[in-house]
Amino acid sequence: MNHQPQQYVKFAQEIYLACKGMGTDEQRILNVILQCTMEDLYQVNRAFYASYGKSITRLLEKETSGNFENILTGCFEGRYQYWARKIREAVKGAGTDEKALIELVIMGDTQDWEVLKTEYFKQFARNIVDDIQDDIAKNADWARLLRGWIFQMRYPRGQPERDADELYKAAKGAGTDEDTFIRIFCTTIPQEFAQICQIYAQKYKKTLRETVIKEFSGKSEKAFLLAHDFLLSPTKGCCWIIKDAIKGMGTRDRSLVNVTVLFRDRYAQGISQAYTEYGNNLAKDIKGDTSGWYEKTLLQLWRAQ
């Protein structure tokens, strides 16, 4: 949104006043976030340091709690700083959070991945590609898609009908030719991918998404479906993550928090309409699975009221 420095200082003052005295004015904090991109909020945090000699995130950790706190503090951290940290959290330790890792990798485009590689090394003095490759299954379909996605090289292929035919053949018969899916998903530009999907549905009387569901399972289904939806529209990718996080028994809060912090400013426009392909109503689904200021924050940041 490209605010001027004086506006960042004003926003910082709003946060300070929201937390001053007895009680916290949560809505006042949200009002600042709603007016800003994540890049803006990083500058607001800088302005807060300049004005009060401390970090907004430390202040909010004292004033809020739970997933509400996680969203608020994440918003002021800086997009790629937060993104790199969450990837590190997903791969370090005894077990890999493979679902979180799939979402964090696939929701990045070519430009995002160039920045992430640099930011990850800056924070952890480690190579993000090595950390991910060393921590995931070597031959699983979803793992090979993630490796391809990190190095995605997109260009106008100029052959949407041929690509649609190749994907159909790759899914035909007893086994799936996963390499064809990986190659096309990681090299096709979004505009041509939409053409591929349209041609595929017209020629073969089923959608490419339906084919992915039939051909893959488990984490591979999750990864290829998210790649499919992201290529059609990153907003659809957000819809899929939100729906997957709140379906079934228990809410996957890590996914809800991550997708909201990283992408609400990029992709919230039109998400309520796009979500109808995944669930009846975005606001209803959020209300059914969350509560309190966590619920209010999700509703407002996703413009789902």
Protein backbone atom coordinates (compact mmCIF):
# COMPACT_ATOMS: atom_id res chain seq x y z
CA MET A 1 0.00 0.00 0.00
CA ASN A 2 3.14 2.19 0.07
CA HIS A 3 2.45 4.34 3.13
CA GLN A 4 4.78 7.22 3.94
CA PRO A 5 7.14 7.15 6.98
CA GLN A 6 4.92 9.50 8.98
CA GLN A 7 2.03 7.09 8.52
CA TYR A 8 4.12 4.22 9.86
CA VAL A 9 4.87 6.30 12.95
CA LYS A 10 1.16 7.02 13.34
CA PHE A 11 0.33 3.32 13.04
CA ALA A 12 2.99 2.55 15.65
CA GLN A 13 1.35 5.04 17.99
CA GLU A 14 -2.00 3.34 17.40
CA ILE A 15 -0.52 0.01 18.50
CA TYR A 16 1.05 1.64 21.56
CA LEU A 17 -2.22 3.26 22.61
CA ALA A 18 -4.13 0.02 22.00
CA CYS A 19 -1.93 -1.72 24.56
CA LYS A 20 -1.53 1.13 27.07
CA GLY A 21 -3.19 1.00 30.46
CA MET A 22 -5.64 -1.60 31.71
CA GLY A 23 -6.80 -3.97 29.01
CA THR A 24 -5.97 -4.27 25.33
CA ASP A 25 -7.96 -2.71 22.50
CA GLU A 26 -7.73 -5.68 20.14
CA GLN A 27 -9.84 -4.09 17.42
CA ARG A 28 -7.58 -1.06 17.30
CA ILE A 29 -4.64 -3.37 16.55
CA LEU A 30 -6.59 -5.18 13.84
CA ASN A 31 -7.57 -1.87 12.26
CA VAL A 32 -3.88 -1.10 11.71
CA ILE A 33 -3.24 -4.53 10.18
CA LEU A 34 -6.24 -4.18 7.87
CA GLN A 35 -4.79 -0.97 6.41
CA CYS A 36 -1.38 -2.48 5.72
CA THR A 37 0.43 -5.08 3.70
CA MET A 38 2.90 -7.32 5.46
CA GLU A 39 5.71 -5.15 4.08
CA ASP A 40 4.01 -2.09 5.59
CA LEU A 41 3.69 -3.79 8.96
CA TYR A 42 7.41 -4.55 9.01
CA GLN A 43 7.97 -0.81 8.61
CA VAL A 44 5.45 -0.11 11.39
CA ASN A 45 7.53 -2.35 13.64
CA ARG A 46 10.62 -0.34 12.70
CA ALA A 47 8.72 2.86 13.51
CA PHE A 48 7.73 1.37 16.86
CA TYR A 49 11.38 0.71 17.66
CA ALA A 50 12.20 4.29 16.66
CA SER A 51 9.39 5.70 18.78
CA TYR A 52 9.48 3.50 21.87
CA GLY A 53 12.77 1.61 21.77
CA LYS A 54 11.19 -1.82 21.72
CA SER A 55 9.54 -4.32 19.40
CA ILE A 56 5.83 -4.53 18.66
CA THR A 57 6.07 -8.31 18.68
CA ARG A 58 7.40 -8.36 22.25
CA LEU A 59 4.62 -6.02 23.33
CA LEU A 60 1.92 -8.14 21.67
CA GLU A 61 3.31 -11.30 23.27
CA LYS A 62 2.54 -9.72 26.64
CA GLU A 63 -0.86 -8.35 25.65
CA THR A 64 -2.35 -11.29 23.74
CA SER A 65 -2.22 -15.07 23.73
CA GLY A 66 -2.85 -18.25 21.76
CA ASN A 67 -3.46 -18.26 18.02
CA PHE A 68 -4.61 -14.64 18.16
CA GLU A 69 -1.16 -13.73 19.41
CA ASN A 70 0.49 -15.94 16.78
CA ILE A 71 -1.28 -14.13 13.96
CA LEU A 72 -0.62 -10.64 15.30
CA THR A 73 3.06 -11.14 16.06
CA GLY A 74 3.59 -12.93 12.74
CA CYS A 75 2.09 -10.04 10.80
CA PHE A 76 4.73 -7.62 12.11
CA GLU A 77 7.71 -9.94 11.60
CA GLY A 78 8.28 -9.43 7.88
CA ARG A 79 6.96 -11.78 5.20
CA TYR A 80 10.13 -13.62 4.26
CA GLN A 81 11.54 -13.57 7.77
CA TYR A 82 8.39 -15.32 9.00
CA TRP A 83 8.23 -17.64 5.99
CA ALA A 84 11.84 -18.77 6.38
CA ARG A 85 11.39 -19.30 10.11
CA LYS A 86 8.31 -21.43 9.60
CA ILE A 87 10.08 -23.60 7.03
CA ARG A 88 12.93 -24.07 9.51
CA GLU A 89 10.45 -25.06 12.23
CA ALA A 90 8.81 -27.55 9.86
CA VAL A 91 12.04 -29.41 9.07
CA LYS A 92 14.08 -29.22 12.28
CA GLY A 93 13.83 -31.53 15.23
CA ALA A 94 12.80 -35.15 15.55
CA GLY A 95 9.94 -35.13 13.08
CA THR A 96 9.11 -33.12 9.98
CA ASP A 97 5.75 -31.35 9.82
CA GLU A 98 5.19 -32.50 6.26
CA LYS A 99 1.76 -30.90 5.84
CA ALA A 100 3.07 -27.50 6.90
CA LEU A 101 6.12 -27.91 4.68
CA ILE A 102 4.02 -28.77 1.63
CA GLU A 103 1.92 -25.63 2.12
CA LEU A 104 4.91 -23.37 2.75
CA VAL A 105 6.76 -24.63 -0.33
CA ILE A 106 3.91 -24.77 -2.85
CA MET A 107 2.50 -21.33 -1.98
CA GLY A 108 5.76 -19.71 -3.10
CA ASP A 109 6.18 -18.56 -6.70
CA THR A 110 9.46 -18.21 -8.57
CA GLN A 111 10.23 -14.76 -7.12
CA ASP A 112 9.32 -15.85 -3.60
CA TRP A 113 11.76 -18.73 -3.78
CA GLU A 114 14.63 -16.55 -4.88
CA VAL A 115 14.08 -14.32 -1.83
CA LEU A 116 13.49 -17.25 0.54
CA LYS A 117 16.81 -18.86 -0.30
CA THR A 118 18.63 -15.66 0.68
CA GLU A 119 16.55 -14.93 3.77
CA TYR A 120 16.88 -18.48 5.12
CA PHE A 121 20.65 -18.35 4.89
CA LYS A 122 20.68 -14.91 6.52
CA GLN A 123 18.68 -16.18 9.51
CA PHE A 124 20.12 -19.65 9.99
CA ALA A 125 23.42 -19.75 8.04
CA ARG A 126 22.06 -22.84 6.34
CA ASN A 127 21.00 -23.75 2.83
CA ILE A 128 17.21 -24.00 2.62
CA VAL A 129 17.32 -26.44 -0.30
CA ASP A 130 19.66 -28.79 1.56
CA ASP A 131 17.59 -28.62 4.74
CA ILE A 132 14.39 -29.49 2.90
CA GLN A 133 15.95 -32.17 0.71
CA ASP A 134 17.71 -33.81 3.65
CA ASP A 135 14.53 -33.93 5.71
CA ILE A 136 11.93 -35.35 3.33
CA ALA A 137 11.43 -38.74 1.72
CA LYS A 138 13.77 -39.29 -1.21
CA ASN A 139 11.39 -40.96 -3.65
CA ALA A 140 7.88 -40.04 -2.52
CA ASP A 141 5.90 -38.28 -5.23
CA TRP A 142 5.10 -35.30 -3.00
CA ALA A 143 8.78 -34.90 -2.07
CA ARG A 144 9.87 -34.92 -5.70
CA LEU A 145 7.22 -32.31 -6.51
CA LEU A 146 8.53 -30.08 -3.70
CA ARG A 147 12.09 -30.34 -5.02
CA GLY A 148 10.89 -29.43 -8.49
CA TRP A 149 8.79 -26.57 -7.16
CA ILE A 150 11.70 -24.98 -5.32
CA PHE A 151 13.57 -24.79 -8.65
CA GLN A 152 10.47 -24.04 -10.75
CA MET A 153 11.37 -22.63 -14.14
CA ARG A 154 8.30 -21.20 -15.84
CA TYR A 155 8.12 -20.21 -19.48
CA PRO A 156 5.44 -20.08 -22.21
CA ARG A 157 5.38 -23.67 -23.42
CA GLY A 158 2.91 -22.83 -26.21
CA GLN A 159 1.37 -26.31 -26.29
CA PRO A 160 -1.60 -26.45 -23.89
CA GLU A 161 -3.46 -29.14 -25.84
CA ARG A 162 -0.39 -31.34 -26.06
CA ASP A 163 0.23 -30.87 -22.33
CA ALA A 164 -3.38 -31.78 -21.57
CA ASP A 165 -2.98 -34.94 -23.65
CA GLU A 166 0.28 -35.82 -21.90
CA LEU A 167 -1.33 -35.46 -18.48
CA TYR A 168 -4.22 -37.67 -19.56
CA LYS A 169 -1.82 -40.34 -20.81
CA ALA A 170 0.23 -40.04 -17.62
CA ALA A 171 -2.86 -40.92 -15.58
CA LYS A 172 -4.19 -43.58 -17.92
CA GLY A 173 -3.81 -47.27 -17.17
CA ALA A 174 -2.56 -49.13 -14.12
CA GLY A 175 0.16 -46.74 -12.97
CA THR A 176 0.66 -43.01 -12.86
CA ASP A 177 3.53 -41.29 -14.67
CA GLU A 178 4.31 -38.85 -11.88
CA ASP A 179 7.24 -37.32 -13.74
CA THR A 180 4.91 -35.84 -16.36
CA PHE A 181 2.80 -34.19 -13.67
CA ILE A 182 5.89 -32.79 -11.94
CA ARG A 183 7.44 -31.48 -15.16
CA ILE A 184 4.30 -29.72 -16.38
CA PHE A 185 3.32 -28.40 -12.95
CA CYS A 186 6.80 -26.93 -12.37
CA THR A 187 7.40 -25.35 -15.79
CA THR A 188 4.01 -24.12 -17.01
CA ILE A 189 3.03 -20.48 -16.57
CA PRO A 190 -0.31 -19.96 -14.80
CA GLN A 191 -2.06 -18.58 -17.90
CA GLU A 192 -1.25 -21.69 -19.91
CA PHE A 193 -2.06 -23.99 -17.00
CA ALA A 194 -5.60 -22.58 -17.00
CA GLN A 195 -5.81 -23.40 -20.73
CA ILE A 196 -4.54 -26.92 -20.07
CA CYS A 197 -7.24 -27.46 -17.44
CA GLN A 198 -9.95 -26.13 -19.74
CA ILE A 199 -8.86 -28.30 -22.67
CA TYR A 200 -8.49 -31.33 -20.39
CA ALA A 201 -12.05 -30.98 -19.10
CA GLN A 202 -13.48 -30.49 -22.59
CA LYS A 203 -11.66 -33.42 -24.18
CA TYR A 204 -11.84 -35.97 -21.39
CA LYS A 205 -15.12 -35.03 -19.64
CA LYS A 206 -13.51 -34.71 -16.22
CA THR A 207 -11.39 -32.08 -14.57
CA LEU A 208 -7.66 -32.33 -14.06
CA ARG A 209 -8.34 -31.82 -10.35
CA GLU A 210 -10.55 -34.91 -10.30
CA THR A 211 -7.76 -36.84 -11.98
CA VAL A 212 -5.23 -35.71 -9.36
CA ILE A 213 -7.56 -36.91 -6.60
CA LYS A 214 -7.92 -40.27 -8.32
CA GLU A 215 -4.23 -40.77 -9.08
CA PHE A 216 -2.62 -39.59 -5.85
CA SER A 217 -3.23 -40.21 -2.17
CA GLY A 218 -2.10 -39.00 1.23
CA LYS A 219 0.57 -36.29 1.23
CA SER A 220 1.04 -36.62 -2.53
CA GLU A 221 -2.63 -35.84 -3.11
CA LYS A 222 -2.29 -32.80 -0.85
CA ALA A 223 0.81 -31.54 -2.63
CA PHE A 224 -0.40 -32.03 -6.20
CA LEU A 225 -3.86 -30.63 -5.43
CA LEU A 226 -2.37 -27.52 -3.85
CA ALA A 227 -0.02 -27.07 -6.81
CA HIS A 228 -2.96 -27.46 -9.20
CA ASP A 229 -5.09 -24.92 -7.34
CA PHE A 230 -2.24 -22.44 -6.81
CA LEU A 231 -1.44 -22.42 -10.52
CA LEU A 232 -5.06 -21.67 -11.35
CA SER A 233 -5.18 -18.95 -8.70
CA PRO A 234 -3.20 -18.38 -5.48
CA THR A 235 -6.50 -17.41 -3.89
CA LYS A 236 -7.75 -20.92 -4.65
CA GLY A 237 -4.61 -22.25 -3.00
CA CYS A 238 -5.49 -20.30 0.15
CA CYS A 239 -9.05 -21.64 0.00
CA TRP A 240 -7.78 -25.21 -0.21
CA ILE A 241 -5.44 -24.76 2.77
CA ILE A 242 -8.18 -23.17 4.90
CA LYS A 243 -10.72 -25.85 4.03
CA ASP A 244 -8.22 -28.64 4.65
CA ALA A 245 -7.24 -27.09 8.00
CA ILE A 246 -10.78 -26.99 9.38
CA LYS A 247 -12.28 -30.16 7.97
CA GLY A 248 -12.65 -33.33 10.00
CA MET A 249 -11.77 -33.77 13.65
CA GLY A 250 -9.87 -30.85 15.11
CA THR A 251 -8.55 -27.67 13.56
CA ARG A 252 -5.06 -27.52 12.10
CA ASP A 253 -4.25 -24.13 13.60
CA ARG A 254 -0.66 -24.02 12.34
CA SER A 255 -1.90 -24.02 8.75
CA LEU A 256 -4.60 -21.43 9.44
CA VAL A 257 -2.15 -19.09 11.14
CA ASN A 258 0.54 -19.47 8.48
CA VAL A 259 -1.74 -18.93 5.50
CA THR A 260 -3.34 -15.91 7.17
CA VAL A 261 -0.09 -14.23 8.17
CA LEU A 262 1.64 -14.79 4.84
CA PHE A 263 -1.09 -14.34 2.28
CA ARG A 264 -4.18 -12.48 3.51
CA ASP A 265 -2.83 -9.17 2.11
CA ARG A 266 -2.03 -10.76 -1.24
CA TYR A 267 -5.03 -12.99 -1.87
CA ALA A 268 -7.99 -12.04 0.36
CA GLN A 269 -9.66 -10.13 -2.47
CA GLY A 270 -12.46 -12.33 -3.78
CA ILE A 271 -11.71 -15.26 -1.48
CA SER A 272 -15.28 -15.59 -0.19
CA GLN A 273 -16.54 -16.19 -3.72
CA ALA A 274 -13.66 -18.51 -4.60
CA TYR A 275 -14.25 -20.50 -1.42
CA THR A 276 -17.69 -21.63 -2.60
CA GLU A 277 -15.88 -24.26 -4.69
CA TYR A 278 -14.46 -25.75 -1.48
CA GLY A 279 -17.18 -25.21 1.12
CA ASN A 280 -20.55 -23.58 1.50
CA ASN A 281 -19.40 -20.39 3.16
CA LEU A 282 -16.00 -19.17 4.36
CA ALA A 283 -17.38 -17.14 7.26
CA LYS A 284 -19.57 -20.01 8.42
CA ASP A 285 -16.68 -22.49 8.29
CA ILE A 286 -14.38 -20.17 10.26
CA LYS A 287 -17.05 -19.53 12.88
CA GLY A 288 -17.72 -23.23 13.18
CA ASP A 289 -14.11 -24.05 14.00
CA THR A 290 -12.70 -21.06 15.90
CA SER A 291 -13.78 -18.63 18.59
CA GLY A 292 -12.98 -15.38 20.36
CA TRP A 293 -10.47 -12.94 18.92
CA TYR A 294 -8.91 -15.74 16.89
CA GLU A 295 -12.21 -16.11 15.03
CA LYS A 296 -12.71 -12.34 14.70
CA THR A 297 -9.20 -11.92 13.33
CA LEU A 298 -9.61 -14.64 10.70
CA LEU A 299 -12.97 -13.23 9.60
CA GLN A 300 -11.66 -9.69 9.27
CA LEU A 301 -8.31 -10.42 7.66
CA TRP A 302 -9.95 -12.72 5.09
CA ARG A 303 -12.80 -10.25 4.56
CA ALA A 304 -15.23 -13.05 5.29
CA GLN A 305 -17.84 -11.20 7.33
